[in-house]
């Protein structure tokens, strides 16, 4: 079964990206590994069972292109945003509940402290 998609919006409600919801351990474990690229405006929204730093850390092993990594707290407030590069490890500076992995151009919209929201896509699963 395909994971549901959500529409990510900035603080003003403007759409930023379509994200695949990633709740399961298998989905979170695979992430974007072994892909060769990421379609523009596409990405993943990781939902972790509880806020944390180490539990929401990411590795970029077998991810062959840079991505935007944006950590958010339980209210959707941006805690940290970074261009994650292949074969490195990234740990957020504060406990996060959500992580967005998407195209690098997403970073142009990411401001620490800003609240992002997401909603099920109209007509989506």
C-alpha atoms as a PDB file:
ATOM      1  CA  UNK A   1       0.000   0.000   0.000  1.00  0.00           C
ATOM      2  CA  UNK A   2       1.348   3.414  -0.951  1.00  0.00           C
ATOM      3  CA  UNK A   3       1.953   5.902   1.823  1.00  0.00           C
ATOM      4  CA  UNK A   4      -0.462   8.831   1.889  1.00  0.00           C
ATOM      5  CA  UNK A   5       0.734  12.169   0.588  1.00  0.00           C
ATOM      6  CA  UNK A   6       0.419  15.512   2.296  1.00  0.00           C
ATOM      7  CA  UNK A   7       0.789  19.058   1.052  1.00  0.00           C
ATOM      8  CA  UNK A   8       3.390  21.033   3.024  1.00  0.00           C
ATOM      9  CA  UNK A   9       2.613  24.736   3.507  1.00  0.00           C
ATOM     10  CA  UNK A  10       4.630  27.623   4.921  1.00  0.00           C
ATOM     11  CA  UNK A  11       3.420  29.926   7.720  1.00  0.00           C
ATOM     12  CA  UNK A  12       1.360  31.959   5.225  1.00  0.00           C
ATOM     13  CA  UNK A  13      -0.344  28.813   3.902  1.00  0.00           C
ATOM     14  CA  UNK A  14       1.552  28.762   0.588  1.00  0.00           C
ATOM     15  CA  UNK A  15       2.228  25.242  -0.745  1.00  0.00           C
ATOM     16  CA  UNK A  16       5.899  24.245  -0.660  1.00  0.00           C
ATOM     17  CA  UNK A  17       6.036  20.528  -1.511  1.00  0.00           C
ATOM     18  CA  UNK A  18       4.168  17.252  -1.792  1.00  0.00           C
ATOM     19  CA  UNK A  19       5.454  14.847   0.825  1.00  0.00           C
ATOM     20  CA  UNK A  20       4.992  11.140   1.333  1.00  0.00           C
ATOM     21  CA  UNK A  21       4.018  10.460   4.942  1.00  0.00           C
ATOM     22  CA  UNK A  22       6.633   8.225   6.555  1.00  0.00           C
ATOM     23  CA  UNK A  23       5.384   6.783   9.870  1.00  0.00           C
ATOM     24  CA  UNK A  24       6.551   3.164   9.864  1.00  0.00           C
ATOM     25  CA  UNK A  25       9.960   2.020  11.033  1.00  0.00           C
ATOM     26  CA  UNK A  26      10.614   0.526   7.580  1.00  0.00           C
ATOM     27  CA  UNK A  27       9.796   3.774   5.772  1.00  0.00           C
ATOM     28  CA  UNK A  28      11.837   5.859   8.217  1.00  0.00           C
ATOM     29  CA  UNK A  29      14.739   3.404   7.931  1.00  0.00           C
ATOM     30  CA  UNK A  30      14.815   3.493   4.122  1.00  0.00           C
ATOM     31  CA  UNK A  31      14.193   7.207   3.643  1.00  0.00           C
ATOM     32  CA  UNK A  32      15.706   8.337   0.350  1.00  0.00           C
ATOM     33  CA  UNK A  33      18.455   5.702   0.213  1.00  0.00           C
ATOM     34  CA  UNK A  34      19.364   4.247  -3.175  1.00  0.00           C
ATOM     35  CA  UNK A  35      17.473   6.867  -5.178  1.00  0.00           C
ATOM     36  CA  UNK A  36      19.415   8.734  -7.839  1.00  0.00           C
ATOM     37  CA  UNK A  37      17.323  11.918  -7.652  1.00  0.00           C
ATOM     38  CA  UNK A  38      14.266  13.520  -6.087  1.00  0.00           C
ATOM     39  CA  UNK A  39      11.541  14.994  -8.268  1.00  0.00           C
ATOM     40  CA  UNK A  40      11.102  18.752  -7.806  1.00  0.00           C
ATOM     41  CA  UNK A  41       8.633  19.587  -5.047  1.00  0.00           C
ATOM     42  CA  UNK A  42       8.634  16.002  -3.739  1.00  0.00           C
ATOM     43  CA  UNK A  43       9.909  14.578  -0.465  1.00  0.00           C
ATOM     44  CA  UNK A  44       9.221  12.714   2.779  1.00  0.00           C
ATOM     45  CA  UNK A  45       7.618  13.753   6.067  1.00  0.00           C
ATOM     46  CA  UNK A  46       8.935  11.548   8.875  1.00  0.00           C
ATOM     47  CA  UNK A  47       6.671  11.225  11.907  1.00  0.00           C
ATOM     48  CA  UNK A  48       8.542   9.920  14.939  1.00  0.00           C
ATOM     49  CA  UNK A  49       6.831   8.215  17.887  1.00  0.00           C
ATOM     50  CA  UNK A  50       8.315  10.728  20.347  1.00  0.00           C
ATOM     51  CA  UNK A  51      10.457  13.865  20.238  1.00  0.00           C
ATOM     52  CA  UNK A  52      14.198  13.343  20.426  1.00  0.00           C
ATOM     53  CA  UNK A  53      17.585  14.231  19.039  1.00  0.00           C
ATOM     54  CA  UNK A  54      19.309  10.914  18.379  1.00  0.00           C
ATOM     55  CA  UNK A  55      16.086   9.189  17.352  1.00  0.00           C
ATOM     56  CA  UNK A  56      15.494  11.835  14.682  1.00  0.00           C
ATOM     57  CA  UNK A  57      19.096  12.004  13.448  1.00  0.00           C
ATOM     58  CA  UNK A  58      19.710  11.048   9.834  1.00  0.00           C
ATOM     59  CA  UNK A  59      22.527   9.492   7.881  1.00  0.00           C
ATOM     60  CA  UNK A  60      23.093  10.184   4.224  1.00  0.00           C
ATOM     61  CA  UNK A  61      24.716   6.829   3.445  1.00  0.00           C
ATOM     62  CA  UNK A  62      23.562   5.644   0.021  1.00  0.00           C
ATOM     63  CA  UNK A  63      21.770   8.922  -0.672  1.00  0.00           C
ATOM     64  CA  UNK A  64      23.641  10.143  -3.732  1.00  0.00           C
ATOM     65  CA  UNK A  65      22.480  13.768  -3.904  1.00  0.00           C
ATOM     66  CA  UNK A  66      22.093  16.678  -1.446  1.00  0.00           C
ATOM     67  CA  UNK A  67      18.698  17.237   0.155  1.00  0.00           C
ATOM     68  CA  UNK A  68      17.030  19.701   2.496  1.00  0.00           C
ATOM     69  CA  UNK A  69      16.614  18.300   6.006  1.00  0.00           C
ATOM     70  CA  UNK A  70      14.215  20.301   8.178  1.00  0.00           C
ATOM     71  CA  UNK A  71      13.474  19.265  11.771  1.00  0.00           C
ATOM     72  CA  UNK A  72      10.275  20.463  13.459  1.00  0.00           C
ATOM     73  CA  UNK A  73       8.873  20.208  16.974  1.00  0.00           C
ATOM     74  CA  UNK A  74       5.460  18.773  17.838  1.00  0.00           C
ATOM     75  CA  UNK A  75       3.754  22.066  16.908  1.00  0.00           C
ATOM     76  CA  UNK A  76       5.401  22.201  13.453  1.00  0.00           C
ATOM     77  CA  UNK A  77       7.890  24.887  14.478  1.00  0.00           C
ATOM     78  CA  UNK A  78      11.179  24.682  12.566  1.00  0.00           C
ATOM     79  CA  UNK A  79      14.049  23.801  14.912  1.00  0.00           C
ATOM     80  CA  UNK A  80      16.843  23.320  12.393  1.00  0.00           C
ATOM     81  CA  UNK A  81      17.306  23.259   8.621  1.00  0.00           C
ATOM     82  CA  UNK A  82      20.380  22.110   6.737  1.00  0.00           C
ATOM     83  CA  UNK A  83      21.550  21.032   3.300  1.00  0.00           C
ATOM     84  CA  UNK A  84      22.359  17.394   3.973  1.00  0.00           C
ATOM     85  CA  UNK A  85      25.132  16.036   1.779  1.00  0.00           C
ATOM     86  CA  UNK A  86      25.874  12.425   0.820  1.00  0.00           C
ATOM     87  CA  UNK A  87      27.663  10.132   3.252  1.00  0.00           C
ATOM     88  CA  UNK A  88      27.342  12.342   6.348  1.00  0.00           C
ATOM     89  CA  UNK A  89      25.370  12.203   9.609  1.00  0.00           C
ATOM     90  CA  UNK A  90      23.102  14.986  10.900  1.00  0.00           C
ATOM     91  CA  UNK A  91      21.679  15.409  14.406  1.00  0.00           C
ATOM     92  CA  UNK A  92      19.216  18.189  15.247  1.00  0.00           C
ATOM     93  CA  UNK A  93      20.296  20.608  18.016  1.00  0.00           C
ATOM     94  CA  UNK A  94      16.996  20.164  19.897  1.00  0.00           C
ATOM     95  CA  UNK A  95      14.459  17.343  20.269  1.00  0.00           C
ATOM     96  CA  UNK A  96      12.342  17.066  17.113  1.00  0.00           C
ATOM     97  CA  UNK A  97       9.092  15.226  16.415  1.00  0.00           C
ATOM     98  CA  UNK A  98       9.038  15.597  12.616  1.00  0.00           C
ATOM     99  CA  UNK A  99      11.628  15.628   9.857  1.00  0.00           C
ATOM    100  CA  UNK A 100      11.176  16.762   6.288  1.00  0.00           C
ATOM    101  CA  UNK A 101      13.521  15.490   3.598  1.00  0.00           C
ATOM    102  CA  UNK A 102      13.033  17.321   0.335  1.00  0.00           C
ATOM    103  CA  UNK A 103      14.680  19.228  -2.489  1.00  0.00           C
ATOM    104  CA  UNK A 104      17.447  21.654  -1.522  1.00  0.00           C
ATOM    105  CA  UNK A 105      15.419  24.652  -2.753  1.00  0.00           C
ATOM    106  CA  UNK A 106      13.049  24.046   0.170  1.00  0.00           C
ATOM    107  CA  UNK A 107      15.728  25.636   2.380  1.00  0.00           C
ATOM    108  CA  UNK A 108      15.039  29.047   0.822  1.00  0.00           C
ATOM    109  CA  UNK A 109      11.682  28.979   2.663  1.00  0.00           C
ATOM    110  CA  UNK A 110      12.853  27.488   5.982  1.00  0.00           C
ATOM    111  CA  UNK A 111      13.212  29.956   8.863  1.00  0.00           C
ATOM    112  CA  UNK A 112      13.963  28.664  12.348  1.00  0.00           C
ATOM    113  CA  UNK A 113      10.977  29.439  14.565  1.00  0.00           C
ATOM    114  CA  UNK A 114       8.464  29.551  11.707  1.00  0.00           C
ATOM    115  CA  UNK A 115       5.555  27.095  11.861  1.00  0.00           C
ATOM    116  CA  UNK A 116       4.888  24.878   8.845  1.00  0.00           C
ATOM    117  CA  UNK A 117       1.705  22.887   8.410  1.00  0.00           C
ATOM    118  CA  UNK A 118       0.604  19.994   6.245  1.00  0.00           C
ATOM    119  CA  UNK A 119      -2.702  18.549   5.188  1.00  0.00           C
ATOM    120  CA  UNK A 120      -3.905  15.549   3.216  1.00  0.00           C
ATOM    121  CA  UNK A 121      -3.895  16.273  -0.493  1.00  0.00           C
ATOM    122  CA  UNK A 122      -7.284  16.849  -2.063  1.00  0.00           C
ATOM    123  CA  UNK A 123      -8.275  13.678  -3.852  1.00  0.00           C
ATOM    124  CA  UNK A 124      -5.227  11.877  -2.421  1.00  0.00           C
ATOM    125  CA  UNK A 125      -5.157   8.637  -0.510  1.00  0.00           C
END
